Amino acid sequence: MGENEIGASTSQPGEGRRKRLIRRFVLATACVLILAGVWVWQTISRNVANTTTCVDHVKKLVLAMHAYHDTLGTFPPAYFADRTGRPIHSWRVLLLPFLGERSLYNKYRFDEPWDSPHNRELASQMPAVFRCPADRGDATNTNYLVVTGEGTVFPGTRSRRFADIVDGPAYTILLVEAADSQINWMEPRDLTYDQAVGGINPPNGKGISSRHGNFAIVANVDGSIWMLPESLSRDTLRKLVLCNDGEVVPDFGRPKGSAIETPQAHSGDGPSEGAVYK
């Protein structure tokens, strides 16, 4: 056998192994890329679905707030307090009849504080509307809060009317989203003014925040739903939170529709008498 023939015969097996390794590498890479693409697609789809559901929950809460106002002439107070001034009942409990939860409302004892042995038994029955599906915290904690304090729509035990929103319902925040709030849905506790104006998705996690991305969902008094970006200035946020400071911000985020349908024939600044609740 000649020298060239020996070289050819010894090189062919090595060349075959290299080709097989290359094919396996290409196949493995393709599988990884496909799996990564599926994971990204599932993540995006899940985030979109969670955001859509979150917006829907906010709309339902806004409609319940409006129904409460239509029935009683005011928005609910942030909380009821006992004789010592200690908060004992939350606006979320007061809203139950307007959310189709009359049975749960009837089980709640208003002659006892929210954390009495009896009322605590209702914690596990939290309506789904009080929770964002993207949240990973305790299943009995809420993600939807109001902002409390002087100058806000919810100054403690006092109730506001539409007429009290001097800055205009379209430019004043009614309800906000808060990720991992660590607030039981029955607990009479919400965001303070200082927490709310700390920025969107603040580093300390205590404020207007979400797990949807670089924004958070809020609702204004007029029923409009907004996605507020992390870039929103604290000064702008302050103007939106206060309802009677005389400062109006016309451009502050991305609109996500409204909880209230207004007939096209209506051309006023606010909801018409014929506004239809969704």
C-alpha atoms as a PDB file:
ATOM      1  CA  MET A   1       0.000   0.000   0.000  1.00  0.00           C
ATOM      2  CA  GLY A   2       1.410   3.406  -0.956  1.00  0.00           C
ATOM      3  CA  GLU A   3       2.096   6.257   1.418  1.00  0.00           C
ATOM      4  CA  ASN A   4      -0.729   8.419  -0.029  1.00  0.00           C
ATOM      5  CA  GLU A   5      -3.239   5.619   0.337  1.00  0.00           C
ATOM      6  CA  ILE A   6      -2.326   5.138   4.001  1.00  0.00           C
ATOM      7  CA  GLY A   7      -2.757   8.881   4.704  1.00  0.00           C
ATOM      8  CA  ALA A   8      -6.144   8.948   2.991  1.00  0.00           C
ATOM      9  CA  SER A   9      -7.448   5.951   4.883  1.00  0.00           C
ATOM     10  CA  THR A  10      -6.377   7.336   8.291  1.00  0.00           C
ATOM     11  CA  SER A  11      -7.808  10.839   7.706  1.00  0.00           C
ATOM     12  CA  GLN A  12     -11.322   9.794   6.662  1.00  0.00           C
ATOM     13  CA  PRO A  13     -12.540   8.557  10.083  1.00  0.00           C
ATOM     14  CA  GLY A  14     -11.349  11.776  11.783  1.00  0.00           C
ATOM     15  CA  GLU A  15     -13.056  13.920   9.169  1.00  0.00           C
ATOM     16  CA  GLY A  16     -16.308  11.986   9.690  1.00  0.00           C
ATOM     17  CA  ARG A  17     -16.168  12.548  13.432  1.00  0.00           C
ATOM     18  CA  ARG A  18     -15.694  16.275  12.947  1.00  0.00           C
ATOM     19  CA  LYS A  19     -18.698  16.459  10.642  1.00  0.00           C
ATOM     20  CA  ARG A  20     -20.849  14.544  13.117  1.00  0.00           C
ATOM     21  CA  LEU A  21     -19.787  16.863  15.923  1.00  0.00           C
ATOM     22  CA  ILE A  22     -20.595  19.911  13.803  1.00  0.00           C
ATOM     23  CA  ARG A  23     -24.037  18.507  12.934  1.00  0.00           C
ATOM     24  CA  ARG A  24     -24.743  17.791  16.603  1.00  0.00           C
ATOM     25  CA  PHE A  25     -23.586  21.274  17.599  1.00  0.00           C
ATOM     26  CA  VAL A  26     -25.810  22.902  14.976  1.00  0.00           C
ATOM     27  CA  LEU A  27     -28.781  20.774  16.055  1.00  0.00           C
ATOM     28  CA  ALA A  28     -28.215  21.539  19.738  1.00  0.00           C
ATOM     29  CA  THR A  29     -27.896  25.260  18.981  1.00  0.00           C
ATOM     30  CA  ALA A  30     -31.111  25.200  16.948  1.00  0.00           C
ATOM     31  CA  CYS A  31     -32.940  23.440  19.820  1.00  0.00           C
ATOM     32  CA  VAL A  32     -31.680  26.009  22.330  1.00  0.00           C
ATOM     33  CA  LEU A  33     -32.779  28.895  20.098  1.00  0.00           C
ATOM     34  CA  ILE A  34     -36.213  27.343  19.591  1.00  0.00           C
ATOM     35  CA  LEU A  35     -36.678  26.763  23.325  1.00  0.00           C
ATOM     36  CA  ALA A  36     -35.490  30.296  24.077  1.00  0.00           C
ATOM     37  CA  GLY A  37     -37.934  31.670  21.520  1.00  0.00           C
ATOM     38  CA  VAL A  38     -40.798  29.679  23.019  1.00  0.00           C
ATOM     39  CA  TRP A  39     -39.861  30.889  26.516  1.00  0.00           C
ATOM     40  CA  VAL A  40     -39.722  34.530  25.363  1.00  0.00           C
ATOM     41  CA  TRP A  41     -43.051  34.181  23.546  1.00  0.00           C
ATOM     42  CA  GLN A  42     -44.694  32.602  26.611  1.00  0.00           C
ATOM     43  CA  THR A  43     -43.272  35.298  28.893  1.00  0.00           C
ATOM     44  CA  ILE A  44     -44.505  38.105  26.647  1.00  0.00           C
ATOM     45  CA  SER A  45     -47.926  36.468  26.270  1.00  0.00           C
ATOM     46  CA  ARG A  46     -48.207  35.985  30.035  1.00  0.00           C
ATOM     47  CA  ASN A  47     -47.204  39.608  30.721  1.00  0.00           C
ATOM     48  CA  VAL A  48     -49.743  40.894  28.207  1.00  0.00           C
ATOM     49  CA  ALA A  49     -52.486  38.697  29.695  1.00  0.00           C
ATOM     50  CA  ASN A  50     -51.603  39.784  33.251  1.00  0.00           C
ATOM     51  CA  THR A  51     -51.602  43.462  32.274  1.00  0.00           C
ATOM     52  CA  THR A  52     -54.964  43.103  30.526  1.00  0.00           C
ATOM     53  CA  THR A  53     -56.481  41.403  33.578  1.00  0.00           C
ATOM     54  CA  CYS A  54     -54.977  44.018  35.893  1.00  0.00           C
ATOM     55  CA  VAL A  55     -56.501  46.839  33.841  1.00  0.00           C
ATOM     56  CA  ASP A  56     -59.841  45.020  33.916  1.00  0.00           C
ATOM     57  CA  HIS A  57     -59.673  44.746  37.722  1.00  0.00           C
ATOM     58  CA  VAL A  58     -58.929  48.463  38.030  1.00  0.00           C
ATOM     59  CA  LYS A  59     -61.895  49.261  35.783  1.00  0.00           C
ATOM     60  CA  LYS A  60     -64.231  47.179  37.947  1.00  0.00           C
ATOM     61  CA  LEU A  61     -63.014  48.903  41.103  1.00  0.00           C
ATOM     62  CA  VAL A  62     -63.489  52.332  39.533  1.00  0.00           C
ATOM     63  CA  LEU A  63     -67.035  51.433  38.487  1.00  0.00           C
ATOM     64  CA  ALA A  64     -67.758  50.241  42.024  1.00  0.00           C
ATOM     65  CA  MET A  65     -66.404  53.550  43.366  1.00  0.00           C
ATOM     66  CA  HIS A  66     -68.683  55.450  41.000  1.00  0.00           C
ATOM     67  CA  ALA A  67     -71.663  53.266  41.931  1.00  0.00           C
ATOM     68  CA  TYR A  68     -70.950  53.945  45.607  1.00  0.00           C
ATOM     69  CA  HIS A  69     -70.892  57.682  44.849  1.00  0.00           C
ATOM     70  CA  ASP A  70     -74.135  57.420  42.846  1.00  0.00           C
ATOM     71  CA  THR A  71     -75.814  55.655  45.780  1.00  0.00           C
ATOM     72  CA  LEU A  72     -74.433  57.551  48.781  1.00  0.00           C
ATOM     73  CA  GLY A  73     -73.432  60.893  47.290  1.00  0.00           C
ATOM     74  CA  THR A  74     -69.720  60.556  48.063  1.00  0.00           C
ATOM     75  CA  PHE A  75     -66.794  58.269  47.437  1.00  0.00           C
ATOM     76  CA  PRO A  76     -66.111  55.895  50.326  1.00  0.00           C
ATOM     77  CA  PRO A  77     -63.725  57.131  53.019  1.00  0.00           C
ATOM     78  CA  ALA A  78     -60.292  55.540  53.070  1.00  0.00           C
ATOM     79  CA  TYR A  79     -61.293  53.917  56.352  1.00  0.00           C
ATOM     80  CA  PHE A  80     -63.635  53.979  59.319  1.00  0.00           C
ATOM     81  CA  ALA A  81     -62.016  54.614  62.719  1.00  0.00           C
ATOM     82  CA  ASP A  82     -62.969  53.707  66.269  1.00  0.00           C
ATOM     83  CA  ARG A  83     -63.390  56.252  69.074  1.00  0.00           C
ATOM     84  CA  THR A  84     -59.639  56.444  69.590  1.00  0.00           C
ATOM     85  CA  GLY A  85     -59.021  57.230  65.922  1.00  0.00           C
ATOM     86  CA  ARG A  86     -57.616  53.804  65.118  1.00  0.00           C
ATOM     87  CA  PRO A  87     -58.570  52.655  61.575  1.00  0.00           C
ATOM     88  CA  ILE A  88     -60.782  49.554  61.789  1.00  0.00           C
ATOM     89  CA  HIS A  89     -62.553  49.125  58.411  1.00  0.00           C
ATOM     90  CA  SER A  90     -61.276  49.622  54.852  1.00  0.00           C
ATOM     91  CA  TRP A  91     -62.912  51.130  51.791  1.00  0.00           C
ATOM     92  CA  ARG A  92     -62.408  47.750  50.101  1.00  0.00           C
ATOM     93  CA  VAL A  93     -64.919  46.150  52.470  1.00  0.00           C
ATOM     94  CA  LEU A  94     -67.357  49.030  51.942  1.00  0.00           C
ATOM     95  CA  LEU A  95     -67.168  48.439  48.198  1.00  0.00           C
ATOM     96  CA  LEU A  96     -68.147  44.737  48.348  1.00  0.00           C
ATOM     97  CA  PRO A  97     -71.894  45.232  47.630  1.00  0.00           C
ATOM     98  CA  PHE A  98     -70.983  47.209  44.500  1.00  0.00           C
ATOM     99  CA  LEU A  99     -68.720  44.400  43.294  1.00  0.00           C
ATOM    100  CA  GLY A 100     -71.393  41.708  43.409  1.00  0.00           C
ATOM    101  CA  GLU A 101     -70.140  40.493  46.802  1.00  0.00           C
ATOM    102  CA  ARG A 102     -73.184  41.186  48.980  1.00  0.00           C
ATOM    103  CA  SER A 103     -72.968  37.754  50.620  1.00  0.00           C
ATOM    104  CA  LEU A 104     -69.363  38.325  51.712  1.00  0.00           C
ATOM    105  CA  TYR A 105     -70.262  41.832  52.881  1.00  0.00           C
ATOM    106  CA  ASN A 106     -73.058  40.430  55.053  1.00  0.00           C
ATOM    107  CA  LYS A 107     -70.602  38.037  56.727  1.00  0.00           C
ATOM    108  CA  TYR A 108     -68.319  40.881  57.766  1.00  0.00           C
ATOM    109  CA  ARG A 109     -68.916  42.259  61.253  1.00  0.00           C
ATOM    110  CA  PHE A 110     -68.663  46.028  61.442  1.00  0.00           C
ATOM    111  CA  ASP A 111     -69.029  45.942  65.228  1.00  0.00           C
ATOM    112  CA  GLU A 112     -65.602  44.283  65.333  1.00  0.00           C
ATOM    113  CA  PRO A 113     -62.268  45.489  63.884  1.00  0.00           C
ATOM    114  CA  TRP A 114     -61.050  44.099  60.584  1.00  0.00           C
ATOM    115  CA  ASP A 115     -58.586  41.751  62.307  1.00  0.00           C
ATOM    116  CA  SER A 116     -60.982  40.257  64.849  1.00  0.00           C
ATOM    117  CA  PRO A 117     -61.040  36.438  64.958  1.00  0.00           C
ATOM    118  CA  HIS A 118     -64.322  36.343  63.030  1.00  0.00           C
ATOM    119  CA  ASN A 119     -63.360  38.847  60.326  1.00  0.00           C
ATOM    120  CA  ARG A 120     -59.952  37.253  59.836  1.00  0.00           C
ATOM    121  CA  GLU A 121     -61.735  34.067  58.782  1.00  0.00           C
ATOM    122  CA  LEU A 122     -62.923  35.985  55.695  1.00  0.00           C
ATOM    123  CA  ALA A 123     -59.400  36.825  54.539  1.00  0.00           C
ATOM    124  CA  SER A 124     -59.160  33.747  52.322  1.00  0.00           C
ATOM    125  CA  GLN A 125     -62.365  34.789  50.536  1.00  0.00           C
ATOM    126  CA  MET A 126     -60.779  37.869  48.978  1.00  0.00           C
ATOM    127  CA  PRO A 127     -62.489  38.660  45.651  1.00  0.00           C
ATOM    128  CA  ALA A 128     -60.106  38.214  42.705  1.00  0.00           C
ATOM    129  CA  VAL A 129     -60.717  41.811  41.655  1.00  0.00           C
ATOM    130  CA  PHE A 130     -58.493  43.035  44.516  1.00  0.00           C
ATOM    131  CA  ARG A 131     -55.406  41.247  43.232  1.00  0.00           C
ATOM    132  CA  CYS A 132     -53.188  41.575  40.153  1.00  0.00           C
ATOM    133  CA  PRO A 133     -52.400  38.132  38.631  1.00  0.00           C
ATOM    134  CA  ALA A 134     -48.750  39.163  38.163  1.00  0.00           C
ATOM    135  CA  ASP A 135     -48.159  39.604  41.874  1.00  0.00           C
ATOM    136  CA  ARG A 136     -46.208  36.950  43.754  1.00  0.00           C
ATOM    137  CA  GLY A 137     -46.986  38.010  47.318  1.00  0.00           C
ATOM    138  CA  ASP A 138     -49.418  36.589  49.855  1.00  0.00           C
ATOM    139  CA  ALA A 139     -52.675  35.545  48.192  1.00  0.00           C
ATOM    140  CA  THR A 140     -54.744  37.485  50.760  1.00  0.00           C
ATOM    141  CA  ASN A 141     -52.964  40.787  50.083  1.00  0.00           C
ATOM    142  CA  THR A 142     -54.342  43.388  47.718  1.00  0.00           C
ATOM    143  CA  ASN A 143     -52.554  45.206  44.891  1.00  0.00           C
ATOM    144  CA  TYR A 144     -54.992  48.097  44.562  1.00  0.00           C
ATOM    145  CA  LEU A 145     -54.733  51.018  46.945  1.00  0.00           C
ATOM    146  CA  VAL A 146     -55.858  54.597  47.316  1.00  0.00           C
ATOM    147  CA  VAL A 147     -53.596  57.475  48.295  1.00  0.00           C
ATOM    148  CA  THR A 148     -54.381  58.934  51.701  1.00  0.00           C
ATOM    149  CA  GLY A 149     -53.584  62.310  53.199  1.00  0.00           C
ATOM    150  CA  GLU A 150     -54.642  65.940  53.166  1.00  0.00           C
ATOM    151  CA  GLY A 151     -55.305  67.193  49.666  1.00  0.00           C
ATOM    152  CA  THR A 152     -55.874  63.724  48.203  1.00  0.00           C
ATOM    153  CA  VAL A 153     -59.211  62.167  47.247  1.00  0.00           C
ATOM    154  CA  PHE A 154     -59.051  60.083  50.442  1.00  0.00           C
ATOM    155  CA  PRO A 155     -58.228  62.259  53.465  1.00  0.00           C
ATOM    156  CA  GLY A 156     -58.700  59.563  56.100  1.00  0.00           C
ATOM    157  CA  THR A 157     -62.200  59.208  57.503  1.00  0.00           C
ATOM    158  CA  ARG A 158     -63.612  62.075  55.457  1.00  0.00           C
ATOM    159  CA  SER A 159     -65.424  61.387  52.189  1.00  0.00           C
ATOM    160  CA  ARG A 160     -65.049  63.415  48.999  1.00  0.00           C
ATOM    161  CA  ARG A 161     -67.603  64.185  46.309  1.00  0.00           C
ATOM    162  CA  PHE A 162     -67.023  64.813  42.625  1.00  0.00           C
ATOM    163  CA  ALA A 163     -67.571  68.491  43.385  1.00  0.00           C
ATOM    164  CA  ASP A 164     -64.589  68.428  45.749  1.00  0.00           C
ATOM    165  CA  ILE A 165     -62.182  67.473  42.946  1.00  0.00           C
ATOM    166  CA  VAL A 166     -61.270  71.065  42.112  1.00  0.00           C
ATOM    167  CA  ASP A 167     -58.427  70.132  39.747  1.00  0.00           C
ATOM    168  CA  GLY A 168     -60.837  68.075  37.633  1.00  0.00           C
ATOM    169  CA  PRO A 169     -61.675  64.341  37.674  1.00  0.00           C
ATOM    170  CA  ALA A 170     -59.610  63.755  34.520  1.00  0.00           C
ATOM    171  CA  TYR A 171     -56.420  65.049  36.177  1.00  0.00           C
ATOM    172  CA  THR A 172     -56.665  63.488  39.637  1.00  0.00           C
ATOM    173  CA  ILE A 173     -55.691  59.964  40.681  1.00  0.00           C
ATOM    174  CA  LEU A 174     -58.400  57.837  42.298  1.00  0.00           C
ATOM    175  CA  LEU A 175     -56.786  54.404  42.527  1.00  0.00           C
ATOM    176  CA  VAL A 176     -53.261  53.008  42.109  1.00  0.00           C
ATOM    177  CA  GLU A 177     -51.529  49.667  41.692  1.00  0.00           C
ATOM    178  CA  ALA A 178     -48.915  48.519  44.213  1.00  0.00           C
ATOM    179  CA  ALA A 179     -46.843  45.363  43.749  1.00  0.00           C
ATOM    180  CA  ASP A 180     -46.336  43.176  46.815  1.00  0.00           C
ATOM    181  CA  SER A 181     -48.134  45.705  49.025  1.00  0.00           C
ATOM    182  CA  GLN A 182     -48.107  43.418  52.082  1.00  0.00           C
ATOM    183  CA  ILE A 183     -51.530  44.856  52.899  1.00  0.00           C
ATOM    184  CA  ASN A 184     -54.350  42.430  53.644  1.00  0.00           C
ATOM    185  CA  TRP A 185     -57.351  43.253  51.481  1.00  0.00           C
ATOM    186  CA  MET A 186     -59.472  43.987  54.591  1.00  0.00           C
ATOM    187  CA  GLU A 187     -56.794  46.027  56.355  1.00  0.00           C
ATOM    188  CA  PRO A 188     -57.602  49.751  56.595  1.00  0.00           C
ATOM    189  CA  ARG A 189     -54.213  50.783  55.246  1.00  0.00           C
ATOM    190  CA  ASP A 190     -53.175  52.231  51.894  1.00  0.00           C
ATOM    191  CA  LEU A 191     -50.416  54.373  50.405  1.00  0.00           C
ATOM    192  CA  THR A 192     -49.563  57.574  52.210  1.00  0.00           C
ATOM    193  CA  TYR A 193     -49.051  60.757  50.236  1.00  0.00           C
ATOM    194  CA  ASP A 194     -45.277  60.595  50.782  1.00  0.00           C
ATOM    195  CA  GLN A 195     -45.123  57.000  49.542  1.00  0.00           C
ATOM    196  CA  ALA A 196     -47.208  57.781  46.469  1.00  0.00           C
ATOM    197  CA  VAL A 197     -45.078  60.715  45.305  1.00  0.00           C
ATOM    198  CA  GLY A 198     -41.850  58.742  45.678  1.00  0.00           C
ATOM    199  CA  GLY A 199     -41.901  57.818  42.001  1.00  0.00           C
ATOM    200  CA  ILE A 200     -43.157  54.955  39.843  1.00  0.00           C
ATOM    201  CA  ASN A 201     -41.586  51.594  40.773  1.00  0.00           C
ATOM    202  CA  PRO A 202     -39.396  53.179  43.482  1.00  0.00           C
ATOM    203  CA  PRO A 203     -36.255  51.275  44.555  1.00  0.00           C
ATOM    204  CA  ASN A 204     -37.618  50.610  48.055  1.00  0.00           C
ATOM    205  CA  GLY A 205     -40.738  48.999  46.534  1.00  0.00           C
ATOM    206  CA  LYS A 206     -43.156  51.021  48.678  1.00  0.00           C
ATOM    207  CA  GLY A 207     -45.210  53.123  46.316  1.00  0.00           C
ATOM    208  CA  ILE A 208     -47.055  53.101  43.026  1.00  0.00           C
ATOM    209  CA  SER A 209     -45.590  50.036  41.347  1.00  0.00           C
ATOM    210  CA  SER A 210     -46.233  46.932  39.276  1.00  0.00           C
ATOM    211  CA  ARG A 211     -44.673  43.751  37.910  1.00  0.00           C
ATOM    212  CA  HIS A 212     -45.685  44.552  34.329  1.00  0.00           C
ATOM    213  CA  GLY A 213     -42.555  46.425  33.297  1.00  0.00           C
ATOM    214  CA  ASN A 214     -41.308  49.996  33.559  1.00  0.00           C
ATOM    215  CA  PHE A 215     -44.737  51.440  34.326  1.00  0.00           C
ATOM    216  CA  ALA A 216     -47.627  51.103  36.774  1.00  0.00           C
ATOM    217  CA  ILE A 217     -51.390  51.269  36.294  1.00  0.00           C
ATOM    218  CA  VAL A 218     -53.541  53.977  37.875  1.00  0.00           C
ATOM    219  CA  ALA A 219     -57.110  55.199  37.450  1.00  0.00           C
ATOM    220  CA  ASN A 220     -58.261  58.798  37.549  1.00  0.00           C
ATOM    221  CA  VAL A 221     -61.470  60.022  39.125  1.00  0.00           C
ATOM    222  CA  ASP A 222     -63.171  60.334  35.729  1.00  0.00           C
ATOM    223  CA  GLY A 223     -62.680  56.583  35.131  1.00  0.00           C
ATOM    224  CA  SER A 224     -59.759  56.867  32.708  1.00  0.00           C
ATOM    225  CA  ILE A 225     -57.034  54.232  33.075  1.00  0.00           C
ATOM    226  CA  TRP A 226     -53.371  55.145  32.644  1.00  0.00           C
ATOM    227  CA  MET A 227     -49.960  53.497  32.474  1.00  0.00           C
ATOM    228  CA  LEU A 228     -47.569  55.849  34.265  1.00  0.00           C
ATOM    229  CA  PRO A 229     -43.906  55.454  33.201  1.00  0.00           C
ATOM    230  CA  GLU A 230     -40.969  55.265  35.584  1.00  0.00           C
ATOM    231  CA  SER A 231     -39.676  58.466  33.981  1.00  0.00           C
ATOM    232  CA  LEU A 232     -42.613  60.453  35.379  1.00  0.00           C
ATOM    233  CA  SER A 233     -41.280  63.233  37.592  1.00  0.00           C
ATOM    234  CA  ARG A 234     -42.185  63.405  41.261  1.00  0.00           C
ATOM    235  CA  ASP A 235     -43.544  66.904  40.733  1.00  0.00           C
ATOM    236  CA  THR A 236     -45.968  65.651  38.080  1.00  0.00           C
ATOM    237  CA  LEU A 237     -46.948  62.753  40.320  1.00  0.00           C
ATOM    238  CA  ARG A 238     -47.612  65.169  43.164  1.00  0.00           C
ATOM    239  CA  LYS A 239     -49.932  67.238  40.968  1.00  0.00           C
ATOM    240  CA  LEU A 240     -51.860  64.099  39.963  1.00  0.00           C
ATOM    241  CA  VAL A 241     -52.238  62.845  43.527  1.00  0.00           C
ATOM    242  CA  LEU A 242     -53.549  66.149  44.930  1.00  0.00           C
ATOM    243  CA  CYS A 243     -57.114  67.005  44.011  1.00  0.00           C
ATOM    244  CA  ASN A 244     -57.293  70.701  44.866  1.00  0.00           C
ATOM    245  CA  ASP A 245     -53.852  72.250  44.487  1.00  0.00           C
ATOM    246  CA  GLY A 246     -54.932  74.178  41.392  1.00  0.00           C
ATOM    247  CA  GLU A 247     -52.308  72.527  39.157  1.00  0.00           C
ATOM    248  CA  VAL A 248     -53.384  70.449  36.159  1.00  0.00           C
ATOM    249  CA  VAL A 249     -51.167  68.098  34.132  1.00  0.00           C
ATOM    250  CA  PRO A 250     -52.635  67.347  30.681  1.00  0.00           C
ATOM    251  CA  ASP A 251     -49.955  64.856  29.535  1.00  0.00           C
ATOM    252  CA  PHE A 252     -48.640  62.298  32.010  1.00  0.00           C
ATOM    253  CA  GLY A 253     -48.714  58.753  30.632  1.00  0.00           C
ATOM    254  CA  ARG A 254     -50.150  56.250  28.181  1.00  0.00           C
ATOM    255  CA  PRO A 255     -53.963  55.854  28.197  1.00  0.00           C
ATOM    256  CA  LYS A 256     -55.435  52.370  28.561  1.00  0.00           C
ATOM    257  CA  GLY A 257     -59.085  53.186  27.963  1.00  0.00           C
ATOM    258  CA  SER A 258     -61.752  54.051  30.467  1.00  0.00           C
ATOM    259  CA  ALA A 259     -64.016  52.259  32.898  1.00  0.00           C
ATOM    260  CA  ILE A 260     -66.886  54.388  31.610  1.00  0.00           C
ATOM    261  CA  GLU A 261     -68.302  54.483  28.098  1.00  0.00           C
ATOM    262  CA  THR A 262     -69.512  57.903  27.097  1.00  0.00           C
ATOM    263  CA  PRO A 263     -71.936  58.170  24.145  1.00  0.00           C
ATOM    264  CA  GLN A 264     -70.308  59.836  21.138  1.00  0.00           C
ATOM    265  CA  ALA A 265     -73.040  62.430  21.037  1.00  0.00           C
ATOM    266  CA  HIS A 266     -71.813  63.834  24.341  1.00  0.00           C
ATOM    267  CA  SER A 267     -69.247  66.598  23.937  1.00  0.00           C
ATOM    268  CA  GLY A 268     -68.712  67.813  27.513  1.00  0.00           C
ATOM    269  CA  ASP A 269     -65.569  67.617  29.608  1.00  0.00           C
ATOM    270  CA  GLY A 270     -66.793  64.845  31.924  1.00  0.00           C
ATOM    271  CA  PRO A 271     -69.073  61.783  31.804  1.00  0.00           C
ATOM    272  CA  SER A 272     -72.557  62.608  30.554  1.00  0.00           C
ATOM    273  CA  GLU A 273     -75.778  61.701  32.319  1.00  0.00           C
ATOM    274  CA  GLY A 274     -76.081  58.892  29.787  1.00  0.00           C
ATOM    275  CA  ALA A 275     -72.702  57.357  30.597  1.00  0.00           C
ATOM    276  CA  VAL A 276     -72.939  53.580  30.520  1.00  0.00           C
ATOM    277  CA  TYR A 277     -71.197  51.460  33.137  1.00  0.00           C
ATOM    278  CA  LYS A 278     -69.333  48.541  31.539  1.00  0.00           C
END
